[in-house]
Amino acid sequence: MAKTTAQATPARRIRPDWRSREVRPSNKVVARRVSEDDHQALKRFAEAHGTKIAEMIAPAVEELIEQARAFCREIDVQDQEMTAKAS
């Protein structure tokens, strides 16, 4: 009689953990919900210009980020001045 080695196999397939392989540069997203019609209009507009929606809105988002950073810097300076006066 030939020797056989019985090996237990898992009942379910082990699914890979995609979260550990996630390599996006940032986990924060700035978004706005739009209607299906608005999304189709944006998509057609972007395709007509040979680009993607994300690439078209990127300059406006970058400008908004710069304005927010300038605002935060101004508030931080004001807070430091108030702390210095209180001391």
N, C-alpha and C. Protein backbone atom coordinates (compact mmCIF):
# COMPACT_ATOMS: atom_id res chain seq x y z
N MET A 1 0.84 -1.16 0.00
CA MET A 1 0.00 0.00 0.00
C MET A 1 0.89 1.24 0.00
N ALA A 2 0.58 2.19 -0.84
CA ALA A 2 1.36 3.42 -0.95
C ALA A 2 1.04 4.36 0.20
N LYS A 3 2.10 5.03 0.65
CA LYS A 3 1.89 6.00 1.73
C LYS A 3 1.29 7.27 1.14
N THR A 4 0.33 7.81 1.83
CA THR A 4 -0.26 9.09 1.43
C THR A 4 -0.15 10.04 2.60
N THR A 5 0.07 11.29 2.27
CA THR A 5 0.11 12.31 3.32
C THR A 5 -1.13 13.16 3.18
N ALA A 6 -1.92 13.13 4.17
CA ALA A 6 -3.15 13.92 4.15
C ALA A 6 -2.84 15.32 4.68
N GLN A 7 -3.21 16.30 3.92
CA GLN A 7 -3.03 17.68 4.34
C GLN A 7 -4.39 18.36 4.42
N ALA A 8 -4.60 19.03 5.49
CA ALA A 8 -5.86 19.77 5.65
C ALA A 8 -5.80 21.03 4.80
N THR A 9 -6.84 21.28 4.10
CA THR A 9 -6.93 22.51 3.31
C THR A 9 -8.04 23.37 3.90
N PRO A 10 -7.86 24.66 3.83
CA PRO A 10 -8.89 25.53 4.40
C PRO A 10 -10.19 25.40 3.62
N ALA A 11 -11.28 25.53 4.34
CA ALA A 11 -12.59 25.41 3.71
C ALA A 11 -12.86 26.60 2.81
N ARG A 12 -12.35 27.75 3.18
CA ARG A 12 -12.55 28.96 2.38
C ARG A 12 -11.23 29.43 1.82
N ARG A 13 -11.32 30.08 0.70
CA ARG A 13 -10.13 30.69 0.11
C ARG A 13 -9.72 31.87 0.97
N ILE A 14 -8.44 31.98 1.27
CA ILE A 14 -7.94 33.11 2.05
C ILE A 14 -7.83 34.30 1.12
N ARG A 15 -8.54 35.34 1.46
CA ARG A 15 -8.54 36.54 0.63
C ARG A 15 -7.38 37.44 1.03
N PRO A 16 -6.73 38.02 0.06
CA PRO A 16 -5.61 38.91 0.39
C PRO A 16 -6.11 40.17 1.10
N ASP A 17 -5.28 40.70 1.95
CA ASP A 17 -5.61 41.91 2.68
C ASP A 17 -5.21 43.12 1.84
N TRP A 18 -6.17 43.68 1.10
CA TRP A 18 -5.87 44.79 0.19
C TRP A 18 -5.50 46.05 0.95
N ARG A 19 -5.95 46.17 2.20
CA ARG A 19 -5.66 47.38 2.97
C ARG A 19 -4.16 47.52 3.25
N SER A 20 -3.49 46.40 3.43
CA SER A 20 -2.05 46.48 3.71
C SER A 20 -1.25 46.81 2.46
N ARG A 21 -1.83 46.63 1.30
CA ARG A 21 -1.13 46.95 0.05
C ARG A 21 -1.49 48.33 -0.50
N GLU A 22 -2.39 49.02 0.16
CA GLU A 22 -2.84 50.34 -0.30
C GLU A 22 -1.67 51.30 -0.31
N VAL A 23 -1.43 51.93 -1.45
CA VAL A 23 -0.26 52.81 -1.59
C VAL A 23 -0.64 54.22 -2.03
N ARG A 24 -1.85 54.63 -1.77
CA ARG A 24 -2.23 55.99 -2.13
C ARG A 24 -1.42 56.97 -1.29
N PRO A 25 -1.09 58.12 -1.86
CA PRO A 25 -0.24 59.06 -1.12
C PRO A 25 -0.91 59.65 0.12
N SER A 26 -2.21 59.72 0.16
CA SER A 26 -2.89 60.31 1.31
C SER A 26 -4.23 59.62 1.51
N ASN A 27 -4.67 59.60 2.73
CA ASN A 27 -5.95 58.95 2.99
C ASN A 27 -7.09 59.96 3.15
N LYS A 28 -6.83 61.22 2.95
CA LYS A 28 -7.87 62.25 3.06
C LYS A 28 -8.37 62.62 1.66
N VAL A 29 -9.67 62.83 1.57
CA VAL A 29 -10.30 63.16 0.30
C VAL A 29 -11.16 64.39 0.48
N VAL A 30 -11.09 65.30 -0.46
CA VAL A 30 -11.99 66.45 -0.50
C VAL A 30 -12.97 66.17 -1.62
N ALA A 31 -14.26 66.14 -1.29
CA ALA A 31 -15.24 65.74 -2.30
C ALA A 31 -16.52 66.54 -2.16
N ARG A 32 -17.30 66.47 -3.20
CA ARG A 32 -18.62 67.09 -3.20
C ARG A 32 -19.55 66.19 -3.99
N ARG A 33 -20.69 65.90 -3.44
CA ARG A 33 -21.66 65.07 -4.16
C ARG A 33 -22.35 65.91 -5.22
N VAL A 34 -22.53 65.30 -6.39
CA VAL A 34 -23.24 65.96 -7.49
C VAL A 34 -24.30 65.00 -8.02
N SER A 35 -25.24 65.55 -8.73
CA SER A 35 -26.29 64.70 -9.31
C SER A 35 -25.71 63.88 -10.45
N GLU A 36 -26.43 62.86 -10.84
CA GLU A 36 -26.00 62.01 -11.95
C GLU A 36 -25.87 62.83 -13.23
N ASP A 37 -26.81 63.75 -13.45
CA ASP A 37 -26.76 64.60 -14.64
C ASP A 37 -25.52 65.50 -14.63
N ASP A 38 -25.24 66.10 -13.46
CA ASP A 38 -24.06 66.97 -13.36
C ASP A 38 -22.78 66.17 -13.58
N HIS A 39 -22.74 64.95 -13.05
CA HIS A 39 -21.54 64.12 -13.23
C HIS A 39 -21.35 63.78 -14.70
N GLN A 40 -22.43 63.44 -15.38
CA GLN A 40 -22.32 63.13 -16.81
C GLN A 40 -21.85 64.35 -17.60
N ALA A 41 -22.37 65.53 -17.24
CA ALA A 41 -21.95 66.75 -17.92
C ALA A 41 -20.46 67.02 -17.70
N LEU A 42 -20.02 66.87 -16.45
CA LEU A 42 -18.59 67.06 -16.15
C LEU A 42 -17.73 66.05 -16.89
N LYS A 43 -18.19 64.81 -16.91
CA LYS A 43 -17.43 63.75 -17.58
C LYS A 43 -17.31 64.03 -19.08
N ARG A 44 -18.42 64.39 -19.70
CA ARG A 44 -18.38 64.69 -21.14
C ARG A 44 -17.50 65.90 -21.43
N PHE A 45 -17.58 66.91 -20.57
CA PHE A 45 -16.77 68.11 -20.74
C PHE A 45 -15.28 67.77 -20.64
N ALA A 46 -14.92 66.98 -19.64
CA ALA A 46 -13.52 66.59 -19.46
C ALA A 46 -13.03 65.75 -20.63
N GLU A 47 -13.84 64.80 -21.06
CA GLU A 47 -13.45 63.95 -22.19
C GLU A 47 -13.28 64.77 -23.47
N ALA A 48 -14.14 65.77 -23.65
CA ALA A 48 -14.04 66.63 -24.84
C ALA A 48 -12.73 67.41 -24.84
N HIS A 49 -12.20 67.68 -23.64
CA HIS A 49 -10.94 68.41 -23.52
C HIS A 49 -9.75 67.47 -23.35
N GLY A 50 -10.00 66.17 -23.46
CA GLY A 50 -8.92 65.19 -23.40
C GLY A 50 -8.27 65.08 -22.02
N THR A 51 -9.05 65.22 -20.98
CA THR A 51 -8.50 65.16 -19.63
C THR A 51 -9.49 64.46 -18.71
N LYS A 52 -9.21 64.47 -17.44
CA LYS A 52 -10.09 63.86 -16.45
C LYS A 52 -10.66 64.96 -15.55
N ILE A 53 -11.76 64.65 -14.89
CA ILE A 53 -12.39 65.62 -14.00
C ILE A 53 -11.42 66.05 -12.91
N ALA A 54 -10.74 65.09 -12.31
CA ALA A 54 -9.80 65.39 -11.22
C ALA A 54 -8.71 66.36 -11.66
N GLU A 55 -8.23 66.19 -12.88
CA GLU A 55 -7.18 67.08 -13.38
C GLU A 55 -7.73 68.48 -13.65
N MET A 56 -9.01 68.57 -14.00
CA MET A 56 -9.60 69.88 -14.27
C MET A 56 -9.86 70.66 -12.99
N ILE A 57 -10.23 69.97 -11.91
CA ILE A 57 -10.53 70.68 -10.68
C ILE A 57 -9.31 70.86 -9.79
N ALA A 58 -8.21 70.21 -10.11
CA ALA A 58 -7.00 70.29 -9.29
C ALA A 58 -6.53 71.72 -9.05
N PRO A 59 -6.46 72.60 -10.06
CA PRO A 59 -6.01 73.98 -9.79
C PRO A 59 -6.89 74.72 -8.78
N ALA A 60 -8.19 74.53 -8.85
CA ALA A 60 -9.09 75.20 -7.91
C ALA A 60 -8.90 74.66 -6.50
N VAL A 61 -8.69 73.35 -6.37
CA VAL A 61 -8.47 72.75 -5.06
C VAL A 61 -7.14 73.22 -4.49
N GLU A 62 -6.10 73.29 -5.32
CA GLU A 62 -4.79 73.78 -4.86
C GLU A 62 -4.88 75.21 -4.37
N GLU A 63 -5.63 76.05 -5.09
CA GLU A 63 -5.81 77.45 -4.68
C GLU A 63 -6.55 77.52 -3.34
N LEU A 64 -7.57 76.70 -3.17
CA LEU A 64 -8.31 76.66 -1.91
C LEU A 64 -7.40 76.22 -0.76
N ILE A 65 -6.56 75.23 -1.01
CA ILE A 65 -5.62 74.77 0.02
C ILE A 65 -4.65 75.88 0.40
N GLU A 66 -4.14 76.60 -0.57
CA GLU A 66 -3.22 77.71 -0.28
C GLU A 66 -3.90 78.79 0.55
N GLN A 67 -5.14 79.11 0.22
CA GLN A 67 -5.89 80.10 1.00
C GLN A 67 -6.09 79.61 2.43
N ALA A 68 -6.41 78.35 2.59
CA ALA A 68 -6.61 77.78 3.93
C ALA A 68 -5.32 77.80 4.74
N ARG A 69 -4.20 77.48 4.09
CA ARG A 69 -2.91 77.50 4.79
C ARG A 69 -2.54 78.92 5.21
N ALA A 70 -2.78 79.90 4.34
CA ALA A 70 -2.49 81.29 4.68
C ALA A 70 -3.36 81.73 5.85
N PHE A 71 -4.61 81.33 5.84
CA PHE A 71 -5.52 81.64 6.94
C PHE A 71 -5.00 81.04 8.25
N CYS A 72 -4.59 79.79 8.20
CA CYS A 72 -4.09 79.12 9.41
C CYS A 72 -2.82 79.77 9.93
N ARG A 73 -1.93 80.17 9.00
CA ARG A 73 -0.70 80.86 9.43
C ARG A 73 -1.05 82.17 10.13
N GLU A 74 -2.00 82.91 9.59
CA GLU A 74 -2.41 84.19 10.18
C GLU A 74 -3.01 83.97 11.57
N ILE A 75 -3.85 82.99 11.71
CA ILE A 75 -4.46 82.68 13.00
C ILE A 75 -3.39 82.25 14.00
N ASP A 76 -2.41 81.44 13.56
CA ASP A 76 -1.33 81.00 14.45
C ASP A 76 -0.51 82.19 14.94
N VAL A 77 -0.22 83.15 14.06
CA VAL A 77 0.53 84.35 14.45
C VAL A 77 -0.27 85.15 15.46
N GLN A 78 -1.56 85.31 15.23
CA GLN A 78 -2.41 86.03 16.18
C GLN A 78 -2.45 85.33 17.53
N ASP A 79 -2.52 84.02 17.53
CA ASP A 79 -2.52 83.26 18.79
C ASP A 79 -1.21 83.44 19.54
N GLN A 80 -0.09 83.45 18.80
CA GLN A 80 1.21 83.64 19.43
C GLN A 80 1.32 85.04 20.03
N GLU A 81 0.80 86.03 19.31
CA GLU A 81 0.84 87.40 19.82
C GLU A 81 -0.01 87.54 21.08
N MET A 82 -1.17 86.88 21.09
CA MET A 82 -2.03 86.94 22.26
C MET A 82 -1.36 86.23 23.45
N THR A 83 -0.70 85.13 23.20
CA THR A 83 -0.01 84.41 24.26
C THR A 83 1.14 85.23 24.81
N ALA A 84 1.88 85.92 23.92
CA ALA A 84 3.00 86.75 24.34
C ALA A 84 2.51 87.93 25.18
N LYS A 85 1.40 88.53 24.82
CA LYS A 85 0.84 89.66 25.57
C LYS A 85 0.36 89.21 26.94
N ALA A 86 -0.19 88.00 27.00
CA ALA A 86 -0.73 87.48 28.26
C ALA A 86 0.39 87.11 29.24
N SER A 87 1.57 86.86 28.73
CA SER A 87 2.68 86.43 29.61
C SER A 87 3.30 87.54 30.36
